[in-house]
Amino acid sequence: MEKDLQVVGFRIGNETYGVRIGAVREIVRVPEITAVPSAPDTIEGVINLRGKIIPVMDLRKRFGLTEITTDKKNRILVVELDNKLLGLIVNSASEVLKIPPSEIEAPGSVFADGESGYVTGVGKLKGRLIILLDISKLLHRPELKRLEEAAETVATAK
């Protein structure tokens, strides 16, 4: 029997998204974020997490949300990508969701080609739809490189 897909569920706007639990290192409250000069719009800056400088991207901006409100529910998903840590700001991080493989639709049937490069599927769970994301595809290589450079700039400045 195929095992259920375990994802960390989080919300952006009114949508629920999920990333594989293996990609998420931890979920933290949003601390003070240090801005990085001349960083791309989606990059909020960097945070110091137990002595590690971690670049932070606002996933809400990355998904084109225009109204971004900051509240106590906001969280940073700390994900690991190519052995580097990266923070992603989301509206709220909910829970670990277990989705049976039979309840996952391929993205091609829901999303047009191109825009769905980072969507791996859509899971159905108790009447909710969870858009499944591949973090490594969500961040384009140049974007990732700029994030790393931003973190290094701040780390060397201290």
Foldseek 3Di string as FASTA:
>chain_A
DDFFFKWWWAAAPHAIATEGPQFFPDKAWDDDADAFPPADPQWRAWDQDVNATATEGEVNVLVPPDDDDDDRQWMWGWGADPNGTHTYIHNHTDGIDTAHPVQWAACVVPDPPPVCQFFGTWGADPNHIYTYGDVNRSQDPVNVVSRVVRSVVVVVVD
